[in-house]
Amino acid sequence: MPHLNTQTPTGGDVTQRRGLKPAFSDDLYNESREGVPQGGPLSPLLANIMLDPLDKELEKRGHRFSRYADDFTIVIKSQRAGQRVLRSISRYLENLEAGG
């Protein structure tokens, strides 16, 4: 089983920040009785439900993007614009997570 890449663009580990545990990592199975295991069959469905507002926000801002479950790519013209959009979308996702 390949290693799961859980690094954020800013170098943090998204699984640690959000308290998630991969169901499989480095050929090991991690059993958990809390939440939905990352990589489980409900994970993509819940990601689509939770991130639908992100799709609408990206469309409203006029960004070209592609998203499948919790993986997404935003097409940006320059590194400077990319850094600005990364900060802005990161703030948006933090507010979304906080319920705001």
C-alpha atoms as a PDB file:
ATOM      1  CA  MET A   1       0.000   0.000   0.000  1.00  0.00           C
ATOM      2  CA  PRO A   2       1.472   3.389  -0.953  1.00  0.00           C
ATOM      3  CA  HIS A   3       2.072   6.002   1.729  1.00  0.00           C
ATOM      4  CA  LEU A   4      -0.756   8.501   2.136  1.00  0.00           C
ATOM      5  CA  ASN A   5       0.258  12.091   1.468  1.00  0.00           C
ATOM      6  CA  THR A   6      -1.373  14.191   4.168  1.00  0.00           C
ATOM      7  CA  GLN A   7       0.867  17.253   3.883  1.00  0.00           C
ATOM      8  CA  THR A   8      -0.782  20.625   3.367  1.00  0.00           C
ATOM      9  CA  PRO A   9       0.763  23.190   0.988  1.00  0.00           C
ATOM     10  CA  THR A  10       2.075  25.072   4.029  1.00  0.00           C
ATOM     11  CA  GLY A  11       3.877  21.980   5.372  1.00  0.00           C
ATOM     12  CA  GLY A  12       1.445  20.997   8.133  1.00  0.00           C
ATOM     13  CA  ASP A  13      -0.146  17.588   8.431  1.00  0.00           C
ATOM     14  CA  VAL A  14      -3.874  17.770   7.791  1.00  0.00           C
ATOM     15  CA  THR A  15      -4.563  14.539   9.691  1.00  0.00           C
ATOM     16  CA  GLN A  16      -2.967  15.914  12.847  1.00  0.00           C
ATOM     17  CA  ARG A  17      -4.607  19.329  12.513  1.00  0.00           C
ATOM     18  CA  ARG A  18      -8.085  17.882  12.095  1.00  0.00           C
ATOM     19  CA  GLY A  19      -7.633  14.877  14.347  1.00  0.00           C
ATOM     20  CA  LEU A  20      -8.062  12.393  11.493  1.00  0.00           C
ATOM     21  CA  LYS A  21      -6.416   9.004  11.347  1.00  0.00           C
ATOM     22  CA  PRO A  22      -5.842   7.275   8.006  1.00  0.00           C
ATOM     23  CA  ALA A  23      -7.517   3.866   7.858  1.00  0.00           C
ATOM     24  CA  PHE A  24      -4.401   2.498   6.132  1.00  0.00           C
ATOM     25  CA  SER A  25      -0.881   3.890   6.329  1.00  0.00           C
ATOM     26  CA  ASP A  26       2.405   2.162   5.488  1.00  0.00           C
ATOM     27  CA  ASP A  27       0.742  -1.289   5.370  1.00  0.00           C
ATOM     28  CA  LEU A  28      -0.769  -0.860   8.841  1.00  0.00           C
ATOM     29  CA  TYR A  29      -4.456  -0.789   9.679  1.00  0.00           C
ATOM     30  CA  ASN A  30      -5.536   1.744  12.308  1.00  0.00           C
ATOM     31  CA  GLU A  31      -8.832   0.896  13.979  1.00  0.00           C
ATOM     32  CA  SER A  32     -10.865   3.767  15.396  1.00  0.00           C
ATOM     33  CA  ARG A  33     -14.339   3.898  16.861  1.00  0.00           C
ATOM     34  CA  GLU A  34     -14.669   7.674  16.347  1.00  0.00           C
ATOM     35  CA  GLY A  35     -15.706   9.462  13.174  1.00  0.00           C
ATOM     36  CA  VAL A  36     -15.333   8.202   9.627  1.00  0.00           C
ATOM     37  CA  PRO A  37     -11.980   6.620   8.763  1.00  0.00           C
ATOM     38  CA  GLN A  38     -10.037   8.429   6.081  1.00  0.00           C
ATOM     39  CA  GLY A  39     -10.155   6.205   3.011  1.00  0.00           C
ATOM     40  CA  GLY A  40     -13.430   4.606   4.090  1.00  0.00           C
ATOM     41  CA  PRO A  41     -16.424   4.367   1.736  1.00  0.00           C
ATOM     42  CA  LEU A  42     -18.254   7.309   3.354  1.00  0.00           C
ATOM     43  CA  SER A  43     -15.257   9.633   3.266  1.00  0.00           C
ATOM     44  CA  PRO A  44     -15.710  10.856  -0.367  1.00  0.00           C
ATOM     45  CA  LEU A  45     -19.456  11.345   0.106  1.00  0.00           C
ATOM     46  CA  LEU A  46     -19.021  13.379   3.286  1.00  0.00           C
ATOM     47  CA  ALA A  47     -16.214  15.390   1.685  1.00  0.00           C
ATOM     48  CA  ASN A  48     -18.521  16.264  -1.225  1.00  0.00           C
ATOM     49  CA  ILE A  49     -21.286  17.333   1.165  1.00  0.00           C
ATOM     50  CA  MET A  50     -18.963  19.424   3.328  1.00  0.00           C
ATOM     51  CA  LEU A  51     -17.031  21.012   0.446  1.00  0.00           C
ATOM     52  CA  ASP A  52     -19.984  21.895  -1.793  1.00  0.00           C
ATOM     53  CA  PRO A  53     -19.903  25.469  -0.376  1.00  0.00           C
ATOM     54  CA  LEU A  54     -16.223  25.655  -1.424  1.00  0.00           C
ATOM     55  CA  ASP A  55     -17.215  24.812  -5.005  1.00  0.00           C
ATOM     56  CA  LYS A  56     -19.786  27.589  -4.981  1.00  0.00           C
ATOM     57  CA  GLU A  57     -17.276  30.062  -3.488  1.00  0.00           C
ATOM     58  CA  LEU A  58     -14.619  29.216  -6.090  1.00  0.00           C
ATOM     59  CA  GLU A  59     -17.190  29.610  -8.882  1.00  0.00           C
ATOM     60  CA  LYS A  60     -18.332  32.960  -7.414  1.00  0.00           C
ATOM     61  CA  ARG A  61     -14.716  34.179  -7.372  1.00  0.00           C
ATOM     62  CA  GLY A  62     -14.272  33.110 -10.996  1.00  0.00           C
ATOM     63  CA  HIS A  63     -11.492  30.592 -10.306  1.00  0.00           C
ATOM     64  CA  ARG A  64     -10.854  27.675 -12.637  1.00  0.00           C
ATOM     65  CA  PHE A  65     -10.661  24.572 -10.464  1.00  0.00           C
ATOM     66  CA  SER A  66     -11.162  20.842 -10.297  1.00  0.00           C
ATOM     67  CA  ARG A  67     -12.247  18.864  -7.232  1.00  0.00           C
ATOM     68  CA  TYR A  68     -12.827  15.177  -6.536  1.00  0.00           C
ATOM     69  CA  ALA A  69     -13.911  14.421  -2.953  1.00  0.00           C
ATOM     70  CA  ASP A  70     -11.374  16.293  -0.776  1.00  0.00           C
ATOM     71  CA  ASP A  71      -8.670  16.717  -3.455  1.00  0.00           C
ATOM     72  CA  PHE A  72      -8.791  19.944  -5.412  1.00  0.00           C
ATOM     73  CA  THR A  73      -6.661  22.016  -7.758  1.00  0.00           C
ATOM     74  CA  ILE A  74      -7.116  25.723  -8.399  1.00  0.00           C
ATOM     75  CA  VAL A  75      -5.551  27.069 -11.602  1.00  0.00           C
ATOM     76  CA  ILE A  76      -3.665  30.312 -10.925  1.00  0.00           C
ATOM     77  CA  LYS A  77      -1.679  32.508 -13.342  1.00  0.00           C
ATOM     78  CA  SER A  78       1.257  33.465 -11.108  1.00  0.00           C
ATOM     79  CA  GLN A  79       3.036  32.412  -7.935  1.00  0.00           C
ATOM     80  CA  ARG A  80       2.060  35.676  -6.242  1.00  0.00           C
ATOM     81  CA  ALA A  81      -1.606  35.156  -7.105  1.00  0.00           C
ATOM     82  CA  GLY A  82      -1.307  31.545  -5.947  1.00  0.00           C
ATOM     83  CA  GLN A  83      -0.020  32.622  -2.538  1.00  0.00           C
ATOM     84  CA  ARG A  84      -2.832  35.153  -2.199  1.00  0.00           C
ATOM     85  CA  VAL A  85      -5.492  32.615  -3.190  1.00  0.00           C
ATOM     86  CA  LEU A  86      -3.987  29.973  -0.875  1.00  0.00           C
ATOM     87  CA  ARG A  87      -4.249  32.362   2.095  1.00  0.00           C
ATOM     88  CA  SER A  88      -7.758  33.432   1.158  1.00  0.00           C
ATOM     89  CA  ILE A  89      -9.104  29.911   0.554  1.00  0.00           C
ATOM     90  CA  SER A  90      -7.386  28.618   3.709  1.00  0.00           C
ATOM     91  CA  ARG A  91      -9.207  31.310   5.728  1.00  0.00           C
ATOM     92  CA  TYR A  92     -12.463  30.415   3.975  1.00  0.00           C
ATOM     93  CA  LEU A  93     -12.038  26.715   4.839  1.00  0.00           C
ATOM     94  CA  GLU A  94     -11.183  27.528   8.470  1.00  0.00           C
ATOM     95  CA  ASN A  95     -14.366  29.613   8.730  1.00  0.00           C
ATOM     96  CA  LEU A  96     -16.348  26.852   7.026  1.00  0.00           C
ATOM     97  CA  GLU A  97     -14.989  24.311   9.512  1.00  0.00           C
ATOM     98  CA  ALA A  98     -15.868  26.609  12.426  1.00  0.00           C
ATOM     99  CA  GLY A  99     -19.417  26.863  11.143  1.00  0.00           C
ATOM    100  CA  GLY A 100     -19.160  30.471   9.998  1.00  0.00           C
END
